[in-house]
All heavy atoms as atom14 arrays in JSON, in Angstrom:
{
  "sequence": "RNTVSLQMNSLKPEDTAVYYCAAAVFDVGADYRRYRDYAYWGQGTQV",
  "atom14_mask": [
    [1, 1, 1, 1, 1, 1, 1, 1, 1, 1, 1, 0, 0, 0],
    [1, 1, 1, 1, 1, 1, 1, 1, 0, 0, 0, 0, 0, 0],
    [1, 1, 1, 1, 1, 1, 1, 0, 0, 0, 0, 0, 0, 0],
    [1, 1, 1, 1, 1, 1, 1, 0, 0, 0, 0, 0, 0, 0],
    [1, 1, 1, 1, 1, 1, 0, 0, 0, 0, 0, 0, 0, 0],
    [1, 1, 1, 1, 1, 1, 1, 1, 0, 0, 0, 0, 0, 0],
    [1, 1, 1, 1, 1, 1, 1, 1, 1, 0, 0, 0, 0, 0],
    [1, 1, 1, 1, 1, 1, 1, 1, 0, 0, 0, 0, 0, 0],
    [1, 1, 1, 1, 1, 1, 1, 1, 0, 0, 0, 0, 0, 0],
    [1, 1, 1, 1, 1, 1, 0, 0, 0, 0, 0, 0, 0, 0],
    [1, 1, 1, 1, 1, 1, 1, 1, 0, 0, 0, 0, 0, 0],
    [1, 1, 1, 1, 1, 1, 1, 1, 1, 0, 0, 0, 0, 0],
    [1, 1, 1, 1, 1, 1, 1, 0, 0, 0, 0, 0, 0, 0],
    [1, 1, 1, 1, 1, 1, 1, 1, 1, 0, 0, 0, 0, 0],
    [1, 1, 1, 1, 1, 1, 1, 1, 0, 0, 0, 0, 0, 0],
    [1, 1, 1, 1, 1, 1, 1, 0, 0, 0, 0, 0, 0, 0],
    [1, 1, 1, 1, 1, 0, 0, 0, 0, 0, 0, 0, 0, 0],
    [1, 1, 1, 1, 1, 1, 1, 0, 0, 0, 0, 0, 0, 0],
    [1, 1, 1, 1, 1, 1, 1, 1, 1, 1, 1, 1, 0, 0],
    [1, 1, 1, 1, 1, 1, 1, 1, 1, 1, 1, 1, 0, 0],
    [1, 1, 1, 1, 1, 1, 0, 0, 0, 0, 0, 0, 0, 0],
    [1, 1, 1, 1, 1, 0, 0, 0, 0, 0, 0, 0, 0, 0],
    [1, 1, 1, 1, 1, 0, 0, 0, 0, 0, 0, 0, 0, 0],
    [1, 1, 1, 1, 1, 0, 0, 0, 0, 0, 0, 0, 0, 0],
    [1, 1, 1, 1, 1, 1, 1, 0, 0, 0, 0, 0, 0, 0],
    [1, 1, 1, 1, 1, 1, 1, 1, 1, 1, 1, 0, 0, 0],
    [1, 1, 1, 1, 1, 1, 1, 1, 0, 0, 0, 0, 0, 0],
    [1, 1, 1, 1, 1, 1, 1, 0, 0, 0, 0, 0, 0, 0],
    [1, 1, 1, 1, 0, 0, 0, 0, 0, 0, 0, 0, 0, 0],
    [1, 1, 1, 1, 1, 0, 0, 0, 0, 0, 0, 0, 0, 0],
    [1, 1, 1, 1, 1, 1, 1, 1, 0, 0, 0, 0, 0, 0],
    [1, 1, 1, 1, 1, 1, 1, 1, 1, 1, 1, 1, 0, 0],
    [1, 1, 1, 1, 1, 1, 1, 1, 1, 1, 1, 0, 0, 0],
    [1, 1, 1, 1, 1, 1, 1, 1, 1, 1, 1, 0, 0, 0],
    [1, 1, 1, 1, 1, 1, 1, 1, 1, 1, 1, 1, 0, 0],
    [1, 1, 1, 1, 1, 1, 1, 1, 1, 1, 1, 0, 0, 0],
    [1, 1, 1, 1, 1, 1, 1, 1, 0, 0, 0, 0, 0, 0],
    [1, 1, 1, 1, 1, 1, 1, 1, 1, 1, 1, 1, 0, 0],
    [1, 1, 1, 1, 1, 0, 0, 0, 0, 0, 0, 0, 0, 0],
    [1, 1, 1, 1, 1, 1, 1, 1, 1, 1, 1, 1, 0, 0],
    [1, 1, 1, 1, 1, 1, 1, 1, 1, 1, 1, 1, 1, 1],
    [1, 1, 1, 1, 0, 0, 0, 0, 0, 0, 0, 0, 0, 0],
    [1, 1, 1, 1, 1, 1, 1, 1, 1, 0, 0, 0, 0, 0],
    [1, 1, 1, 1, 0, 0, 0, 0, 0, 0, 0, 0, 0, 0],
    [1, 1, 1, 1, 1, 1, 1, 0, 0, 0, 0, 0, 0, 0],
    [1, 1, 1, 1, 1, 1, 1, 1, 1, 0, 0, 0, 0, 0],
    [1, 1, 1, 1, 1, 1, 1, 0, 0, 0, 0, 0, 0, 0]
  ],
  "atom14_positions": [
    [[91.78, -51.46, 152.5], [92.3, -51.84, 153.81], [92.65, -50.63, 154.68], [93.13, -50.79, 155.8], [93.54, -52.71, 153.64], [93.27, -54.01, 152.9], [94.49, -54.89, 152.83], [94.22, -56.17, 152.16], [95.08, -57.15, 152.04], [96.29, -57.03, 152.56], [94.74, -58.25, 151.41], [0.0, 0.0, 0.0], [0.0, 0.0, 0.0], [0.0, 0.0, 0.0]],
    [[92.4, -49.44, 154.15], [92.72, -48.2, 154.9], [94.18, -48.18, 155.35], [94.48, -47.89, 156.51], [91.8, -48.03, 156.1], [90.41, -47.58, 155.68], [90.23, -46.93, 154.67], [89.42, -47.93, 156.48], [0.0, 0.0, 0.0], [0.0, 0.0, 0.0], [0.0, 0.0, 0.0], [0.0, 0.0, 0.0], [0.0, 0.0, 0.0], [0.0, 0.0, 0.0]],
    [[95.07, -48.52, 154.45], [96.48, -48.53, 154.78], [97.31, -47.72, 153.77], [96.94, -47.57, 152.6], [97.05, -49.96, 154.81], [96.88, -50.56, 153.53], [96.38, -50.8, 155.88], [0.0, 0.0, 0.0], [0.0, 0.0, 0.0], [0.0, 0.0, 0.0], [0.0, 0.0, 0.0], [0.0, 0.0, 0.0], [0.0, 0.0, 0.0], [0.0, 0.0, 0.0]],
    [[98.39, -47.2, 154.25], [99.39, -46.53, 153.42], [100.73, -47.19, 153.74], [101.04, -47.47, 154.9], [99.46, -45.02, 153.72], [100.62, -44.4, 152.97], [98.18, -44.35, 153.34], [0.0, 0.0, 0.0], [0.0, 0.0, 0.0], [0.0, 0.0, 0.0], [0.0, 0.0, 0.0], [0.0, 0.0, 0.0], [0.0, 0.0, 0.0], [0.0, 0.0, 0.0]],
    [[101.5, -47.41, 152.69], [102.8, -48.07, 152.86], [103.92, -47.2, 152.31], [103.69, -46.34, 151.45], [102.79, -49.43, 152.14], [101.83, -50.28, 152.71], [0.0, 0.0, 0.0], [0.0, 0.0, 0.0], [0.0, 0.0, 0.0], [0.0, 0.0, 0.0], [0.0, 0.0, 0.0], [0.0, 0.0, 0.0], [0.0, 0.0, 0.0], [0.0, 0.0, 0.0]],
    [[105.1, -47.44, 152.84], [106.29, -46.76, 152.35], [107.35, -47.83, 152.12], [107.89, -48.39, 153.07], [106.79, -45.72, 153.36], [107.94, -44.85, 152.9], [107.48, -43.91, 151.77], [108.53, -44.05, 154.05], [0.0, 0.0, 0.0], [0.0, 0.0, 0.0], [0.0, 0.0, 0.0], [0.0, 0.0, 0.0], [0.0, 0.0, 0.0], [0.0, 0.0, 0.0]],
    [[107.61, -48.11, 150.87], [108.67, -49.05, 150.49], [109.97, -48.28, 150.39], [110.08, -47.33, 149.62], [108.34, -49.73, 149.15], [109.42, -50.68, 148.67], [109.57, -51.9, 149.56], [108.58, -52.46, 150.02], [110.81, -52.29, 149.81], [0.0, 0.0, 0.0], [0.0, 0.0, 0.0], [0.0, 0.0, 0.0], [0.0, 0.0, 0.0], [0.0, 0.0, 0.0]],
    [[110.94, -48.7, 151.2], [112.22, -47.98, 151.27], [113.33, -48.9, 150.76], [113.6, -49.94, 151.38], [112.49, -47.54, 152.69], [111.37, -46.72, 153.3], [111.76, -46.07, 154.95], [111.88, -47.6, 155.87], [0.0, 0.0, 0.0], [0.0, 0.0, 0.0], [0.0, 0.0, 0.0], [0.0, 0.0, 0.0], [0.0, 0.0, 0.0], [0.0, 0.0, 0.0]],
    [[113.93, -48.51, 149.66], [115.02, -49.29, 149.07], [116.32, -48.49, 149.1], [116.3, -47.27, 149.31], [114.69, -49.65, 147.61], [113.45, -50.51, 147.5], [113.13, -51.31, 148.38], [112.72, -50.35, 146.4], [0.0, 0.0, 0.0], [0.0, 0.0, 0.0], [0.0, 0.0, 0.0], [0.0, 0.0, 0.0], [0.0, 0.0, 0.0], [0.0, 0.0, 0.0]],
    [[117.41, -49.18, 148.9], [118.73, -48.53, 148.87], [118.91, -47.63, 150.1], [119.33, -46.47, 149.98], [118.9, -47.72, 147.58], [118.75, -48.55, 146.44], [0.0, 0.0, 0.0], [0.0, 0.0, 0.0], [0.0, 0.0, 0.0], [0.0, 0.0, 0.0], [0.0, 0.0, 0.0], [0.0, 0.0, 0.0], [0.0, 0.0, 0.0], [0.0, 0.0, 0.0]],
    [[118.61, -48.15, 151.25], [118.65, -47.35, 152.46], [120.08, -46.93, 152.8], [121.04, -47.66, 152.55], [118.05, -48.13, 153.62], [116.51, -48.16, 153.61], [115.98, -49.29, 154.49], [115.95, -46.83, 154.07], [0.0, 0.0, 0.0], [0.0, 0.0, 0.0], [0.0, 0.0, 0.0], [0.0, 0.0, 0.0], [0.0, 0.0, 0.0], [0.0, 0.0, 0.0]],
    [[120.16, -45.74, 153.36], [121.44, -45.14, 153.74], [121.43, -44.88, 155.24], [120.37, -44.7, 155.84], [121.64, -43.82, 153.0], [121.53, -43.92, 151.49], [121.62, -42.54, 150.86], [121.48, -42.61, 149.35], [121.55, -41.26, 148.73], [0.0, 0.0, 0.0], [0.0, 0.0, 0.0], [0.0, 0.0, 0.0], [0.0, 0.0, 0.0], [0.0, 0.0, 0.0]],
    [[122.61, -44.8, 155.85], [122.64, -44.48, 157.29], [121.92, -43.18, 157.63], [121.31, -43.07, 158.69], [124.14, -44.37, 157.58], [124.76, -45.3, 156.58], [123.93, -45.16, 155.35], [0.0, 0.0, 0.0], [0.0, 0.0, 0.0], [0.0, 0.0, 0.0], [0.0, 0.0, 0.0], [0.0, 0.0, 0.0], [0.0, 0.0, 0.0], [0.0, 0.0, 0.0]],
    [[121.95, -42.23, 156.72], [121.26, -40.95, 156.98], [119.74, -41.08, 156.94], [119.03, -40.12, 157.25], [121.72, -39.86, 156.01], [121.68, -40.26, 154.56], [123.02, -40.74, 154.04], [123.71, -41.51, 154.76], [123.39, -40.35, 152.92], [0.0, 0.0, 0.0], [0.0, 0.0, 0.0], [0.0, 0.0, 0.0], [0.0, 0.0, 0.0], [0.0, 0.0, 0.0]],
    [[119.22, -42.23, 156.56], [117.78, -42.48, 156.63], [117.34, -42.89, 158.03], [116.13, -43.02, 158.29], [117.37, -43.57, 155.64], [117.55, -43.16, 154.19], [117.22, -42.01, 153.84], [118.03, -43.99, 153.4], [0.0, 0.0, 0.0], [0.0, 0.0, 0.0], [0.0, 0.0, 0.0], [0.0, 0.0, 0.0], [0.0, 0.0, 0.0], [0.0, 0.0, 0.0]],
    [[118.29, -43.11, 158.91], [117.98, -43.49, 160.28], [117.16, -42.4, 160.97], [117.56, -41.25, 161.01], [119.26, -43.76, 161.08], [119.93, -44.88, 160.51], [118.95, -44.04, 162.54], [0.0, 0.0, 0.0], [0.0, 0.0, 0.0], [0.0, 0.0, 0.0], [0.0, 0.0, 0.0], [0.0, 0.0, 0.0], [0.0, 0.0, 0.0], [0.0, 0.0, 0.0]],
    [[116.0, -42.81, 161.49], [115.09, -41.85, 162.13], [113.88, -42.61, 162.66], [113.69, -43.78, 162.37], [114.62, -40.78, 161.14], [0.0, 0.0, 0.0], [0.0, 0.0, 0.0], [0.0, 0.0, 0.0], [0.0, 0.0, 0.0], [0.0, 0.0, 0.0], [0.0, 0.0, 0.0], [0.0, 0.0, 0.0], [0.0, 0.0, 0.0], [0.0, 0.0, 0.0]],
    [[113.08, -41.9, 163.41], [111.73, -42.38, 163.73], [110.82, -41.91, 162.61], [110.8, -40.71, 162.28], [111.24, -41.86, 165.09], [109.81, -42.33, 165.34], [112.16, -42.33, 166.2], [0.0, 0.0, 0.0], [0.0, 0.0, 0.0], [0.0, 0.0, 0.0], [0.0, 0.0, 0.0], [0.0, 0.0, 0.0], [0.0, 0.0, 0.0], [0.0, 0.0, 0.0]],
    [[110.1, -42.84, 162.03], [109.2, -42.52, 160.92], [107.77, -42.46, 161.41], [107.3, -43.36, 162.13], [109.34, -43.58, 159.82], [110.58, -43.4, 158.99], [111.84, -43.64, 159.53], [110.52, -42.94, 157.68], [112.99, -43.44, 158.78], [111.65, -42.75, 156.92], [112.89, -43.0, 157.48], [114.03, -42.8, 156.73], [0.0, 0.0, 0.0], [0.0, 0.0, 0.0]],
    [[107.1, -41.39, 161.03], [105.72, -41.15, 161.45], [104.79, -41.13, 160.26], [105.08, -40.52, 159.24], [105.61, -39.8, 162.17], [106.39, -39.69, 163.45], [107.7, -39.23, 163.46], [105.81, -40.05, 164.67], [108.42, -39.13, 164.63], [106.53, -39.96, 165.86], [107.84, -39.5, 165.82], [108.54, -39.39, 166.99], [0.0, 0.0, 0.0], [0.0, 0.0, 0.0]],
    [[103.66, -41.76, 160.44], [102.57, -41.68, 159.48], [101.65, -40.55, 159.94], [101.44, -40.36, 161.15], [101.83, -43.02, 159.48], [100.32, -43.06, 158.54], [0.0, 0.0, 0.0], [0.0, 0.0, 0.0], [0.0, 0.0, 0.0], [0.0, 0.0, 0.0], [0.0, 0.0, 0.0], [0.0, 0.0, 0.0], [0.0, 0.0, 0.0], [0.0, 0.0, 0.0]],
    [[101.09, -39.8, 158.99], [100.23, -38.69, 159.33], [99.07, -38.58, 158.34], [99.21, -38.95, 157.17], [101.02, -37.39, 159.36], [0.0, 0.0, 0.0], [0.0, 0.0, 0.0], [0.0, 0.0, 0.0], [0.0, 0.0, 0.0], [0.0, 0.0, 0.0], [0.0, 0.0, 0.0], [0.0, 0.0, 0.0], [0.0, 0.0, 0.0], [0.0, 0.0, 0.0]],
    [[97.96, -38.07, 158.83], [96.78, -37.88, 158.0], [96.33, -36.44, 158.06], [96.34, -35.82, 159.13], [95.65, -38.8, 158.43], [0.0, 0.0, 0.0], [0.0, 0.0, 0.0], [0.0, 0.0, 0.0], [0.0, 0.0, 0.0], [0.0, 0.0, 0.0], [0.0, 0.0, 0.0], [0.0, 0.0, 0.0], [0.0, 0.0, 0.0], [0.0, 0.0, 0.0]],
    [[95.94, -35.91, 156.91], [95.49, -34.53, 156.83], [94.09, -34.48, 156.23], [93.76, -35.26, 155.34], [96.45, -33.71, 155.98], [0.0, 0.0, 0.0], [0.0, 0.0, 0.0], [0.0, 0.0, 0.0], [0.0, 0.0, 0.0], [0.0, 0.0, 0.0], [0.0, 0.0, 0.0], [0.0, 0.0, 0.0], [0.0, 0.0, 0.0], [0.0, 0.0, 0.0]],
    [[93.29, -33.56, 156.73], [92.01, -33.26, 156.12], [92.22, -32.13, 155.12], [93.28, -31.51, 155.08], [90.97, -32.86, 157.17], [90.75, -33.98, 158.16], [91.39, -31.6, 157.91], [0.0, 0.0, 0.0], [0.0, 0.0, 0.0], [0.0, 0.0, 0.0], [0.0, 0.0, 0.0], [0.0, 0.0, 0.0], [0.0, 0.0, 0.0], [0.0, 0.0, 0.0]],
    [[91.2, -31.88, 154.29], [91.36, -30.86, 153.26], [91.47, -29.47, 153.9], [90.71, -29.1, 154.77], [90.18, -30.88, 152.29], [90.27, -29.78, 151.26], [91.17, -29.89, 150.21], [89.5, -28.63, 151.37], [91.27, -28.88, 149.26], [89.6, -27.63, 150.43], [90.49, -27.74, 149.38], [0.0, 0.0, 0.0], [0.0, 0.0, 0.0], [0.0, 0.0, 0.0]],
    [[92.43, -28.7, 153.39], [92.62, -27.32, 153.79], [93.14, -26.57, 152.58], [94.2, -26.9, 152.05], [93.63, -27.24, 154.95], [93.81, -25.81, 155.45], [93.47, -24.87, 154.71], [94.31, -25.65, 156.57], [0.0, 0.0, 0.0], [0.0, 0.0, 0.0], [0.0, 0.0, 0.0], [0.0, 0.0, 0.0], [0.0, 0.0, 0.0], [0.0, 0.0, 0.0]],
    [[92.41, -25.57, 152.13], [92.76, -24.88, 150.9], [94.15, -24.24, 150.98], [94.82, -24.07, 149.97], [91.68, -23.83, 150.55], [91.67, -22.72, 151.59], [91.89, -23.3, 149.15], [0.0, 0.0, 0.0], [0.0, 0.0, 0.0], [0.0, 0.0, 0.0], [0.0, 0.0, 0.0], [0.0, 0.0, 0.0], [0.0, 0.0, 0.0], [0.0, 0.0, 0.0]],
    [[94.59, -23.91, 152.18], [95.89, -23.26, 152.32], [97.03, -24.19, 152.65], [98.16, -23.74, 152.85], [0.0, 0.0, 0.0], [0.0, 0.0, 0.0], [0.0, 0.0, 0.0], [0.0, 0.0, 0.0], [0.0, 0.0, 0.0], [0.0, 0.0, 0.0], [0.0, 0.0, 0.0], [0.0, 0.0, 0.0], [0.0, 0.0, 0.0], [0.0, 0.0, 0.0]],
    [[96.75, -25.49, 152.68], [97.77, -26.45, 153.1], [98.73, -26.79, 151.98], [98.34, -26.82, 150.81], [97.12, -27.71, 153.62], [0.0, 0.0, 0.0], [0.0, 0.0, 0.0], [0.0, 0.0, 0.0], [0.0, 0.0, 0.0], [0.0, 0.0, 0.0], [0.0, 0.0, 0.0], [0.0, 0.0, 0.0], [0.0, 0.0, 0.0], [0.0, 0.0, 0.0]],
    [[99.95, -27.06, 152.36], [100.97, -27.47, 151.42], [101.14, -28.98, 151.44], [101.56, -29.57, 150.45], [102.29, -26.8, 151.79], [103.43, -27.21, 150.9], [103.5, -26.73, 149.76], [104.25, -28.04, 151.34], [0.0, 0.0, 0.0], [0.0, 0.0, 0.0], [0.0, 0.0, 0.0], [0.0, 0.0, 0.0], [0.0, 0.0, 0.0], [0.0, 0.0, 0.0]],
    [[100.85, -29.58, 152.56], [100.93, -31.02, 152.79], [102.36, -31.54, 152.74], [102.59, -32.75, 152.64], [100.03, -31.81, 151.85], [98.58, -31.44, 151.98], [97.91, -30.83, 150.94], [97.9, -31.67, 153.17], [96.58, -30.46, 151.08], [96.57, -31.31, 153.3], [95.92, -30.7, 152.25], [94.6, -30.34, 152.39], [0.0, 0.0, 0.0], [0.0, 0.0, 0.0]],
    [[103.34, -30.64, 152.8], [104.73, -31.03, 153.01], [105.23, -30.47, 154.34], [106.39, -30.61, 154.69], [105.62, -30.56, 151.87], [105.41, -31.34, 150.58], [106.23, -30.77, 149.46], [105.76, -29.44, 149.06], [106.32, -28.72, 148.1], [107.37, -29.18, 147.44], [105.84, -27.54, 147.8], [0.0, 0.0, 0.0], [0.0, 0.0, 0.0], [0.0, 0.0, 0.0]],
    [[104.33, -29.85, 155.08], [104.64, -29.29, 156.39], [103.93, -30.11, 157.45], [102.75, -30.43, 157.31], [104.18, -27.83, 156.47], [104.79, -26.95, 155.4], [104.17, -25.56, 155.39], [102.72, -25.6, 155.2], [102.0, -24.55, 154.89], [102.59, -23.37, 154.76], [100.69, -24.65, 154.74], [0.0, 0.0, 0.0], [0.0, 0.0, 0.0], [0.0, 0.0, 0.0]],
    [[104.64, -30.38, 158.53], [104.03, -31.23, 159.54], [102.8, -30.58, 160.14], [101.87, -31.26, 160.57], [105.05, -31.61, 160.61], [105.52, -30.48, 161.48], [104.81, -30.09, 162.61], [106.71, -29.8, 161.19], [105.24, -29.05, 163.4], [107.15, -28.77, 161.97], [106.41, -28.39, 163.08], [106.85, -27.36, 163.86], [0.0, 0.0, 0.0], [0.0, 0.0, 0.0]],
    [[102.73, -29.26, 160.15], [101.59, -28.59, 160.77], [100.32, -28.7, 159.93], [99.23, -28.34, 160.39], [101.88, -27.12, 161.04], [102.18, -26.29, 159.81], [102.38, -24.84, 160.22], [102.69, -23.95, 159.1], [103.92, -23.68, 158.7], [104.95, -24.22, 159.32], [104.14, -22.86, 157.69], [0.0, 0.0, 0.0], [0.0, 0.0, 0.0], [0.0, 0.0, 0.0]],
    [[100.44, -29.19, 158.71], [99.25, -29.4, 157.87], [98.53, -30.7, 158.18], [97.48, -30.98, 157.61], [99.64, -29.38, 156.39], [100.07, -28.01, 155.91], [99.57, -27.01, 156.47], [100.92, -27.94, 155.02], [0.0, 0.0, 0.0], [0.0, 0.0, 0.0], [0.0, 0.0, 0.0], [0.0, 0.0, 0.0], [0.0, 0.0, 0.0], [0.0, 0.0, 0.0]],
    [[99.12, -31.5, 159.06], [98.56, -32.81, 159.38], [97.97, -32.81, 160.78], [98.63, -32.4, 161.74], [99.63, -33.89, 159.26], [100.07, -34.11, 157.83], [100.93, -33.22, 157.2], [99.58, -35.19, 157.1], [101.31, -33.41, 155.88], [99.96, -35.38, 155.77], [100.82, -34.49, 155.17], [101.18, -34.67, 153.87], [0.0, 0.0, 0.0], [0.0, 0.0, 0.0]],
    [[96.74, -33.29, 160.88], [96.02, -33.26, 162.16], [96.22, -34.52, 162.98], [96.08, -34.48, 164.2], [94.54, -33.04, 161.91], [0.0, 0.0, 0.0], [0.0, 0.0, 0.0], [0.0, 0.0, 0.0], [0.0, 0.0, 0.0], [0.0, 0.0, 0.0], [0.0, 0.0, 0.0], [0.0, 0.0, 0.0], [0.0, 0.0, 0.0], [0.0, 0.0, 0.0]],
    [[96.51, -35.62, 162.31], [96.56, -36.9, 163.0], [97.91, -37.56, 162.75], [98.43, -37.54, 161.63], [95.43, -37.81, 162.51], [94.07, -37.18, 162.61], [93.42, -36.65, 161.49], [93.43, -37.08, 163.85], [92.18, -36.05, 161.6], [92.19, -36.48, 163.97], [91.57, -35.97, 162.83], [90.34, -35.38, 162.94], [0.0, 0.0, 0.0], [0.0, 0.0, 0.0]],
    [[98.43, -38.18, 163.82], [99.76, -38.77, 163.76], [99.77, -40.14, 164.43], [99.06, -40.38, 165.42], [100.76, -37.86, 164.49], [100.99, -36.57, 163.79], [100.24, -35.43, 163.87], [102.03, -36.29, 162.85], [100.76, -34.46, 163.06], [101.86, -34.96, 162.41], [103.09, -37.03, 162.34], [102.71, -34.35, 161.48], [103.93, -36.43, 161.41], [103.75, -35.12, 161.0]],
    [[100.61, -41.0, 163.87], [100.85, -42.27, 164.51], [101.9, -42.11, 165.6], [102.45, -41.02, 165.82], [0.0, 0.0, 0.0], [0.0, 0.0, 0.0], [0.0, 0.0, 0.0], [0.0, 0.0, 0.0], [0.0, 0.0, 0.0], [0.0, 0.0, 0.0], [0.0, 0.0, 0.0], [0.0, 0.0, 0.0], [0.0, 0.0, 0.0], [0.0, 0.0, 0.0]],
    [[102.23, -43.22, 166.25], [103.17, -43.17, 167.37], [104.62, -43.22, 166.92], [105.53, -42.94, 167.68], [102.9, -44.36, 168.32], [103.48, -45.69, 167.89], [102.72, -46.34, 166.74], [101.69, -45.85, 166.28], [103.23, -47.48, 166.29], [0.0, 0.0, 0.0], [0.0, 0.0, 0.0], [0.0, 0.0, 0.0], [0.0, 0.0, 0.0], [0.0, 0.0, 0.0]],
    [[104.84, -43.55, 165.66], [106.18, -43.6, 165.12], [106.79, -44.99, 165.18], [106.44, -45.8, 166.06], [0.0, 0.0, 0.0], [0.0, 0.0, 0.0], [0.0, 0.0, 0.0], [0.0, 0.0, 0.0], [0.0, 0.0, 0.0], [0.0, 0.0, 0.0], [0.0, 0.0, 0.0], [0.0, 0.0, 0.0], [0.0, 0.0, 0.0], [0.0, 0.0, 0.0]],
    [[107.68, -45.27, 164.24], [108.39, -46.54, 164.21], [109.85, -46.27, 163.86], [110.15, -45.47, 162.99], [107.74, -47.52, 163.21], [108.38, -48.8, 163.31], [107.81, -47.03, 161.78], [0.0, 0.0, 0.0], [0.0, 0.0, 0.0], [0.0, 0.0, 0.0], [0.0, 0.0, 0.0], [0.0, 0.0, 0.0], [0.0, 0.0, 0.0], [0.0, 0.0, 0.0]],
    [[110.74, -46.92, 164.6], [112.17, -46.66, 164.45], [112.73, -47.4, 163.25], [112.5, -48.61, 163.08], [112.93, -47.08, 165.7], [114.44, -46.91, 165.62], [114.86, -45.47, 165.64], [114.39, -44.66, 166.43], [115.78, -45.11, 164.73], [0.0, 0.0, 0.0], [0.0, 0.0, 0.0], [0.0, 0.0, 0.0], [0.0, 0.0, 0.0], [0.0, 0.0, 0.0]],
    [[113.49, -46.67, 162.44], [114.24, -47.26, 161.33], [115.71, -46.94, 161.57], [116.08, -45.77, 161.71], [113.79, -46.7, 159.98], [114.74, -47.16, 158.87], [112.36, -47.14, 159.67], [0.0, 0.0, 0.0], [0.0, 0.0, 0.0], [0.0, 0.0, 0.0], [0.0, 0.0, 0.0], [0.0, 0.0, 0.0], [0.0, 0.0, 0.0], [0.0, 0.0, 0.0]]
  ]
}
């Protein structure tokens, strides 16, 4: 279905944020925990 999900349990007030989905292509130097490693972004959804 070309989908990725994030199941969030035991939510805390500090989890409040705009959540963004992102997609990255392969890059040998990428860490994939840095936002700059991702080329494509969704519009975000408020939690």
